[in-house]
């Protein structure tokens, strides 16, 4: 089991770091993390790894997620036989997308480079791919696991989706359309949104009637 005090310490530490990054960026400074990692990302330019991550990054792009979320929501409705899981899944993804845009407009950080084919235009902080993928694929994994009876299969789903979320987020750094702090902040903010939507789901599930949804709480 995780040590709650350690988890709280890590959460507070990352929160403080994110706030510091925002303050630095808004005031025109480049965080040290980004200064230290600029030379590294330049080495990936036009390499095999670059082109692999260019394909991976599409799994978090708007043109892929719109049909994917729509299809996945239908699948969740079929396997759960209730409207709440697909509603939280699709609604949570949409709300996260909207909030990401709001935060970007407030911080207004320019990207290290523009790449339209990778849906990399507009402001940079925080990474929408990292933030939205955390919520989208995190919620999908959660609702799929609730219907799996095999512990091993549940663990496999968690590992696969966690790896997918990480690869999508870090792809934005590898293809040089986001700074590393953009990605880190995107993961952190996405995690906060993900936990919030999970608690919202469990709260609504209990109020609607647990017998109708037919699930036990995992929180």
C-alpha atoms as a PDB file:
ATOM      1  CA  UNK A   1       0.000   0.000   0.000  1.00  0.00           C
ATOM      2  CA  UNK A   2       1.118   3.547  -0.678  1.00  0.00           C
ATOM      3  CA  UNK A   3       2.195   5.701   2.239  1.00  0.00           C
ATOM      4  CA  UNK A   4      -0.436   8.449   2.363  1.00  0.00           C
ATOM      5  CA  UNK A   5       2.004  10.983   3.795  1.00  0.00           C
ATOM      6  CA  UNK A   6       4.474  10.292   0.986  1.00  0.00           C
ATOM      7  CA  UNK A   7       1.745  10.653  -1.652  1.00  0.00           C
ATOM      8  CA  UNK A   8       0.594  13.949  -0.104  1.00  0.00           C
ATOM      9  CA  UNK A   9       4.201  15.197   0.012  1.00  0.00           C
ATOM     10  CA  UNK A  10       4.766  14.350  -3.662  1.00  0.00           C
ATOM     11  CA  UNK A  11       1.456  15.961  -4.655  1.00  0.00           C
ATOM     12  CA  UNK A  12       2.252  19.182  -2.781  1.00  0.00           C
ATOM     13  CA  UNK A  13       5.793  19.237  -4.220  1.00  0.00           C
ATOM     14  CA  UNK A  14       4.578  18.877  -7.813  1.00  0.00           C
ATOM     15  CA  UNK A  15       1.841  21.446  -7.184  1.00  0.00           C
ATOM     16  CA  UNK A  16       4.377  23.989  -5.904  1.00  0.00           C
ATOM     17  CA  UNK A  17       6.680  23.268  -8.863  1.00  0.00           C
ATOM     18  CA  UNK A  18       3.815  23.800 -11.307  1.00  0.00           C
ATOM     19  CA  UNK A  19       2.880  27.116  -9.686  1.00  0.00           C
ATOM     20  CA  UNK A  20       6.528  28.239  -9.843  1.00  0.00           C
ATOM     21  CA  UNK A  21       6.690  27.304 -13.535  1.00  0.00           C
ATOM     22  CA  UNK A  22       3.536  29.294 -14.254  1.00  0.00           C
ATOM     23  CA  UNK A  23       4.871  32.357 -12.425  1.00  0.00           C
ATOM     24  CA  UNK A  24       8.188  32.138 -14.274  1.00  0.00           C
ATOM     25  CA  UNK A  25       6.560  31.678 -17.683  1.00  0.00           C
ATOM     26  CA  UNK A  26       4.064  34.503 -17.184  1.00  0.00           C
ATOM     27  CA  UNK A  27       6.944  36.818 -16.226  1.00  0.00           C
ATOM     28  CA  UNK A  28       8.942  35.879 -19.316  1.00  0.00           C
ATOM     29  CA  UNK A  29      11.454  33.511 -17.727  1.00  0.00           C
ATOM     30  CA  UNK A  30      12.327  30.054 -19.048  1.00  0.00           C
ATOM     31  CA  UNK A  31      12.230  27.433 -16.227  1.00  0.00           C
ATOM     32  CA  UNK A  32      15.569  25.746 -15.570  1.00  0.00           C
ATOM     33  CA  UNK A  33      14.077  22.373 -16.540  1.00  0.00           C
ATOM     34  CA  UNK A  34      13.432  23.684 -20.042  1.00  0.00           C
ATOM     35  CA  UNK A  35      16.853  25.290 -20.296  1.00  0.00           C
ATOM     36  CA  UNK A  36      18.531  22.006 -19.362  1.00  0.00           C
ATOM     37  CA  UNK A  37      16.495  19.878 -21.785  1.00  0.00           C
ATOM     38  CA  UNK A  38      16.611  22.020 -24.929  1.00  0.00           C
ATOM     39  CA  UNK A  39      19.789  20.476 -26.309  1.00  0.00           C
ATOM     40  CA  UNK A  40      18.505  16.949 -25.727  1.00  0.00           C
ATOM     41  CA  UNK A  41      15.308  17.375 -27.754  1.00  0.00           C
ATOM     42  CA  UNK A  42      17.240  18.854 -30.679  1.00  0.00           C
ATOM     43  CA  UNK A  43      19.086  15.531 -31.023  1.00  0.00           C
ATOM     44  CA  UNK A  44      15.801  13.771 -31.877  1.00  0.00           C
ATOM     45  CA  UNK A  45      15.145  15.921 -34.944  1.00  0.00           C
ATOM     46  CA  UNK A  46      14.473  13.783 -38.045  1.00  0.00           C
ATOM     47  CA  UNK A  47      15.506  10.543 -36.308  1.00  0.00           C
ATOM     48  CA  UNK A  48      13.641   7.223 -36.252  1.00  0.00           C
ATOM     49  CA  UNK A  49      12.408   7.995 -32.733  1.00  0.00           C
ATOM     50  CA  UNK A  50      11.084  11.363 -33.927  1.00  0.00           C
ATOM     51  CA  UNK A  51       8.929   9.766 -36.629  1.00  0.00           C
ATOM     52  CA  UNK A  52       7.670   7.052 -34.247  1.00  0.00           C
ATOM     53  CA  UNK A  53       6.564   9.666 -31.709  1.00  0.00           C
ATOM     54  CA  UNK A  54       5.064  11.746 -34.506  1.00  0.00           C
ATOM     55  CA  UNK A  55       2.670   8.835 -35.104  1.00  0.00           C
ATOM     56  CA  UNK A  56       2.042   8.257 -31.395  1.00  0.00           C
ATOM     57  CA  UNK A  57       1.190  11.910 -30.804  1.00  0.00           C
ATOM     58  CA  UNK A  58      -1.837  11.565 -33.110  1.00  0.00           C
ATOM     59  CA  UNK A  59      -3.522   9.355 -30.493  1.00  0.00           C
ATOM     60  CA  UNK A  60      -3.962  12.499 -28.419  1.00  0.00           C
ATOM     61  CA  UNK A  61      -4.921  14.837 -31.249  1.00  0.00           C
ATOM     62  CA  UNK A  62      -8.366  16.302 -31.737  1.00  0.00           C
ATOM     63  CA  UNK A  63      -8.992  14.661 -35.125  1.00  0.00           C
ATOM     64  CA  UNK A  64      -8.452  11.233 -33.536  1.00  0.00           C
ATOM     65  CA  UNK A  65     -10.079  11.797 -30.158  1.00  0.00           C
ATOM     66  CA  UNK A  66     -13.414  13.112 -31.441  1.00  0.00           C
ATOM     67  CA  UNK A  67     -14.431   9.874 -33.228  1.00  0.00           C
ATOM     68  CA  UNK A  68     -12.601   7.738 -30.641  1.00  0.00           C
ATOM     69  CA  UNK A  69     -14.396   9.258 -27.651  1.00  0.00           C
ATOM     70  CA  UNK A  70     -17.744   9.004 -29.433  1.00  0.00           C
ATOM     71  CA  UNK A  71     -17.199   5.324 -30.226  1.00  0.00           C
ATOM     72  CA  UNK A  72     -15.783   4.479 -26.786  1.00  0.00           C
ATOM     73  CA  UNK A  73     -18.743   6.204 -25.089  1.00  0.00           C
ATOM     74  CA  UNK A  74     -21.139   3.957 -27.010  1.00  0.00           C
ATOM     75  CA  UNK A  75     -19.109   0.890 -26.012  1.00  0.00           C
ATOM     76  CA  UNK A  76     -19.194   1.943 -22.348  1.00  0.00           C
ATOM     77  CA  UNK A  77     -22.954   2.433 -22.517  1.00  0.00           C
ATOM     78  CA  UNK A  78     -23.348  -1.071 -23.960  1.00  0.00           C
ATOM     79  CA  UNK A  79     -21.143  -2.871 -21.428  1.00  0.00           C
ATOM     80  CA  UNK A  80     -22.326  -0.890 -18.383  1.00  0.00           C
ATOM     81  CA  UNK A  81     -25.959  -0.714 -19.512  1.00  0.00           C
ATOM     82  CA  UNK A  82     -26.191   2.742 -17.967  1.00  0.00           C
ATOM     83  CA  UNK A  83     -25.731   6.305 -19.202  1.00  0.00           C
ATOM     84  CA  UNK A  84     -23.528   7.544 -16.326  1.00  0.00           C
ATOM     85  CA  UNK A  85     -20.128   5.974 -17.272  1.00  0.00           C
ATOM     86  CA  UNK A  86     -20.195   7.186 -20.912  1.00  0.00           C
ATOM     87  CA  UNK A  87     -21.502  10.577 -19.759  1.00  0.00           C
ATOM     88  CA  UNK A  88     -18.624  11.067 -17.301  1.00  0.00           C
ATOM     89  CA  UNK A  89     -16.118   9.711 -19.840  1.00  0.00           C
ATOM     90  CA  UNK A  90     -17.163  11.904 -22.765  1.00  0.00           C
ATOM     91  CA  UNK A  91     -18.143  14.899 -20.635  1.00  0.00           C
ATOM     92  CA  UNK A  92     -14.933  14.729 -18.618  1.00  0.00           C
ATOM     93  CA  UNK A  93     -12.810  14.644 -21.760  1.00  0.00           C
ATOM     94  CA  UNK A  94     -14.679  17.639 -23.214  1.00  0.00           C
ATOM     95  CA  UNK A  95     -14.497  19.689 -20.005  1.00  0.00           C
ATOM     96  CA  UNK A  96     -10.763  18.996 -19.729  1.00  0.00           C
ATOM     97  CA  UNK A  97     -10.269  20.126 -23.325  1.00  0.00           C
ATOM     98  CA  UNK A  98     -12.122  23.384 -22.618  1.00  0.00           C
ATOM     99  CA  UNK A  99     -10.225  24.083 -19.392  1.00  0.00           C
ATOM    100  CA  UNK A 100      -6.926  23.386 -21.119  1.00  0.00           C
ATOM    101  CA  UNK A 101      -7.760  26.102 -23.619  1.00  0.00           C
ATOM    102  CA  UNK A 102      -8.654  28.532 -20.824  1.00  0.00           C
ATOM    103  CA  UNK A 103      -5.366  27.907 -18.996  1.00  0.00           C
ATOM    104  CA  UNK A 104      -3.386  28.280 -22.217  1.00  0.00           C
ATOM    105  CA  UNK A 105      -5.031  31.636 -22.913  1.00  0.00           C
ATOM    106  CA  UNK A 106      -4.193  32.836 -19.401  1.00  0.00           C
ATOM    107  CA  UNK A 107      -0.531  31.769 -19.452  1.00  0.00           C
ATOM    108  CA  UNK A 108      -0.007  32.539 -23.178  1.00  0.00           C
ATOM    109  CA  UNK A 109       3.286  30.754 -23.700  1.00  0.00           C
ATOM    110  CA  UNK A 110       4.613  30.413 -27.234  1.00  0.00           C
ATOM    111  CA  UNK A 111       5.551  26.959 -28.492  1.00  0.00           C
ATOM    112  CA  UNK A 112       9.156  26.022 -29.239  1.00  0.00           C
ATOM    113  CA  UNK A 113       7.931  25.263 -32.778  1.00  0.00           C
ATOM    114  CA  UNK A 114       4.673  25.032 -34.762  1.00  0.00           C
ATOM    115  CA  UNK A 115       3.668  21.795 -36.478  1.00  0.00           C
ATOM    116  CA  UNK A 116       0.154  21.826 -37.942  1.00  0.00           C
ATOM    117  CA  UNK A 117       0.238  18.155 -38.960  1.00  0.00           C
ATOM    118  CA  UNK A 118       0.679  17.254 -35.269  1.00  0.00           C
ATOM    119  CA  UNK A 119      -2.118  19.585 -34.112  1.00  0.00           C
ATOM    120  CA  UNK A 120       0.559  21.840 -32.618  1.00  0.00           C
ATOM    121  CA  UNK A 121      -0.641  25.407 -33.072  1.00  0.00           C
ATOM    122  CA  UNK A 122      -1.547  28.132 -30.615  1.00  0.00           C
ATOM    123  CA  UNK A 123      -0.283  28.483 -27.060  1.00  0.00           C
ATOM    124  CA  UNK A 124       1.920  25.914 -25.358  1.00  0.00           C
ATOM    125  CA  UNK A 125       1.344  25.669 -21.579  1.00  0.00           C
ATOM    126  CA  UNK A 126       0.089  23.214 -20.433  1.00  0.00           C
ATOM    127  CA  UNK A 127       0.246  20.424 -23.014  1.00  0.00           C
ATOM    128  CA  UNK A 128      -3.267  19.567 -24.134  1.00  0.00           C
ATOM    129  CA  UNK A 129      -2.171  16.140 -25.315  1.00  0.00           C
ATOM    130  CA  UNK A 130      -0.766  15.262 -21.880  1.00  0.00           C
ATOM    131  CA  UNK A 131      -3.662  16.756 -19.939  1.00  0.00           C
ATOM    132  CA  UNK A 132      -6.540  15.492 -22.086  1.00  0.00           C
ATOM    133  CA  UNK A 133      -5.023  12.047 -22.631  1.00  0.00           C
ATOM    134  CA  UNK A 134      -4.637  11.616 -18.879  1.00  0.00           C
ATOM    135  CA  UNK A 135      -8.359  12.205 -18.415  1.00  0.00           C
ATOM    136  CA  UNK A 136      -9.628  10.472 -21.556  1.00  0.00           C
ATOM    137  CA  UNK A 137      -7.611   7.263 -21.361  1.00  0.00           C
ATOM    138  CA  UNK A 138      -7.585   7.300 -17.565  1.00  0.00           C
ATOM    139  CA  UNK A 139     -11.387   7.357 -17.373  1.00  0.00           C
ATOM    140  CA  UNK A 140     -11.693   4.755 -20.114  1.00  0.00           C
ATOM    141  CA  UNK A 141      -9.322   2.403 -18.272  1.00  0.00           C
ATOM    142  CA  UNK A 142     -11.241   2.935 -15.027  1.00  0.00           C
ATOM    143  CA  UNK A 143     -14.616   2.080 -16.547  1.00  0.00           C
ATOM    144  CA  UNK A 144     -13.233  -0.915 -18.436  1.00  0.00           C
ATOM    145  CA  UNK A 145     -11.570  -2.313 -15.314  1.00  0.00           C
ATOM    146  CA  UNK A 146     -14.834  -2.110 -13.385  1.00  0.00           C
ATOM    147  CA  UNK A 147     -16.216  -4.766 -15.736  1.00  0.00           C
ATOM    148  CA  UNK A 148     -13.185  -7.057 -15.707  1.00  0.00           C
ATOM    149  CA  UNK A 149     -13.197 -10.061 -13.394  1.00  0.00           C
ATOM    150  CA  UNK A 150      -9.578 -11.075 -13.915  1.00  0.00           C
ATOM    151  CA  UNK A 151      -7.080  -9.250 -11.624  1.00  0.00           C
ATOM    152  CA  UNK A 152      -4.256  -9.963 -14.079  1.00  0.00           C
ATOM    153  CA  UNK A 153      -6.228  -8.509 -16.967  1.00  0.00           C
ATOM    154  CA  UNK A 154      -7.073  -5.447 -14.870  1.00  0.00           C
ATOM    155  CA  UNK A 155      -3.394  -4.885 -14.113  1.00  0.00           C
ATOM    156  CA  UNK A 156      -2.548  -5.315 -17.800  1.00  0.00           C
ATOM    157  CA  UNK A 157      -5.131  -2.681 -18.767  1.00  0.00           C
ATOM    158  CA  UNK A 158      -3.724  -0.264 -16.185  1.00  0.00           C
ATOM    159  CA  UNK A 159      -0.166  -0.757 -17.429  1.00  0.00           C
ATOM    160  CA  UNK A 160      -1.125  -0.416 -21.103  1.00  0.00           C
ATOM    161  CA  UNK A 161      -3.156   2.758 -20.621  1.00  0.00           C
ATOM    162  CA  UNK A 162      -0.574   4.290 -18.267  1.00  0.00           C
ATOM    163  CA  UNK A 163       2.136   3.665 -20.852  1.00  0.00           C
ATOM    164  CA  UNK A 164      -0.067   5.081 -23.600  1.00  0.00           C
ATOM    165  CA  UNK A 165      -0.734   8.265 -21.625  1.00  0.00           C
ATOM    166  CA  UNK A 166       2.978   8.713 -20.914  1.00  0.00           C
ATOM    167  CA  UNK A 167       4.012   8.131 -24.526  1.00  0.00           C
ATOM    168  CA  UNK A 168       1.413  10.559 -25.891  1.00  0.00           C
ATOM    169  CA  UNK A 169       2.485  13.253 -23.454  1.00  0.00           C
ATOM    170  CA  UNK A 170       6.232  12.822 -23.905  1.00  0.00           C
ATOM    171  CA  UNK A 171       5.785  12.686 -27.689  1.00  0.00           C
ATOM    172  CA  UNK A 172       5.021  16.399 -27.605  1.00  0.00           C
ATOM    173  CA  UNK A 173       8.457  17.053 -26.158  1.00  0.00           C
ATOM    174  CA  UNK A 174      10.234  14.632 -28.504  1.00  0.00           C
ATOM    175  CA  UNK A 175       8.769  16.245 -31.636  1.00  0.00           C
ATOM    176  CA  UNK A 176       9.595  19.676 -30.160  1.00  0.00           C
ATOM    177  CA  UNK A 177       6.140  21.245 -30.097  1.00  0.00           C
ATOM    178  CA  UNK A 178       6.097  21.581 -26.296  1.00  0.00           C
ATOM    179  CA  UNK A 179       8.605  22.293 -23.583  1.00  0.00           C
ATOM    180  CA  UNK A 180       9.120  19.574 -20.982  1.00  0.00           C
ATOM    181  CA  UNK A 181       7.418  21.715 -18.314  1.00  0.00           C
ATOM    182  CA  UNK A 182       4.353  21.957 -20.578  1.00  0.00           C
ATOM    183  CA  UNK A 183       4.126  18.175 -20.574  1.00  0.00           C
ATOM    184  CA  UNK A 184       4.782  17.827 -16.842  1.00  0.00           C
ATOM    185  CA  UNK A 185       2.134  20.407 -15.985  1.00  0.00           C
ATOM    186  CA  UNK A 186      -0.279  18.753 -18.415  1.00  0.00           C
ATOM    187  CA  UNK A 187       0.148  15.395 -16.677  1.00  0.00           C
ATOM    188  CA  UNK A 188      -0.292  16.941 -13.233  1.00  0.00           C
ATOM    189  CA  UNK A 189      -3.355  19.016 -14.080  1.00  0.00           C
ATOM    190  CA  UNK A 190      -4.834  16.106 -16.018  1.00  0.00           C
ATOM    191  CA  UNK A 191      -4.390  13.865 -12.972  1.00  0.00           C
ATOM    192  CA  UNK A 192      -6.239  16.377 -10.786  1.00  0.00           C
ATOM    193  CA  UNK A 193      -9.098  16.487 -13.290  1.00  0.00           C
ATOM    194  CA  UNK A 194      -9.117  12.689 -13.561  1.00  0.00           C
ATOM    195  CA  UNK A 195      -9.413  12.185  -9.802  1.00  0.00           C
ATOM    196  CA  UNK A 196     -12.099  14.869  -9.667  1.00  0.00           C
ATOM    197  CA  UNK A 197     -14.200  13.141 -12.330  1.00  0.00           C
ATOM    198  CA  UNK A 198     -13.800   9.763 -10.610  1.00  0.00           C
ATOM    199  CA  UNK A 199     -15.101  11.180  -7.336  1.00  0.00           C
ATOM    200  CA  UNK A 200     -17.901  12.919  -9.219  1.00  0.00           C
ATOM    201  CA  UNK A 201     -18.848   9.616 -10.828  1.00  0.00           C
ATOM    202  CA  UNK A 202     -18.861   7.723  -7.529  1.00  0.00           C
ATOM    203  CA  UNK A 203     -20.919  10.466  -5.886  1.00  0.00           C
ATOM    204  CA  UNK A 204     -23.502  10.518  -8.669  1.00  0.00           C
ATOM    205  CA  UNK A 205     -23.578   6.720  -8.807  1.00  0.00           C
ATOM    206  CA  UNK A 206     -24.543   6.512  -5.141  1.00  0.00           C
ATOM    207  CA  UNK A 207     -27.233   9.171  -5.501  1.00  0.00           C
ATOM    208  CA  UNK A 208     -28.760   7.699  -8.660  1.00  0.00           C
ATOM    209  CA  UNK A 209     -28.992   4.203  -7.127  1.00  0.00           C
ATOM    210  CA  UNK A 210     -26.110   1.738  -6.937  1.00  0.00           C
ATOM    211  CA  UNK A 211     -28.408  -1.101  -7.973  1.00  0.00           C
ATOM    212  CA  UNK A 212     -29.100   0.589 -11.304  1.00  0.00           C
ATOM    213  CA  UNK A 213     -25.430   1.046 -12.173  1.00  0.00           C
ATOM    214  CA  UNK A 214     -24.582  -2.337 -10.693  1.00  0.00           C
ATOM    215  CA  UNK A 215     -21.064  -1.512  -9.518  1.00  0.00           C
ATOM    216  CA  UNK A 216     -19.032  -1.300  -6.358  1.00  0.00           C
ATOM    217  CA  UNK A 217     -16.951   1.731  -5.529  1.00  0.00           C
ATOM    218  CA  UNK A 218     -13.217   1.471  -6.203  1.00  0.00           C
ATOM    219  CA  UNK A 219     -12.351   4.758  -4.510  1.00  0.00           C
END
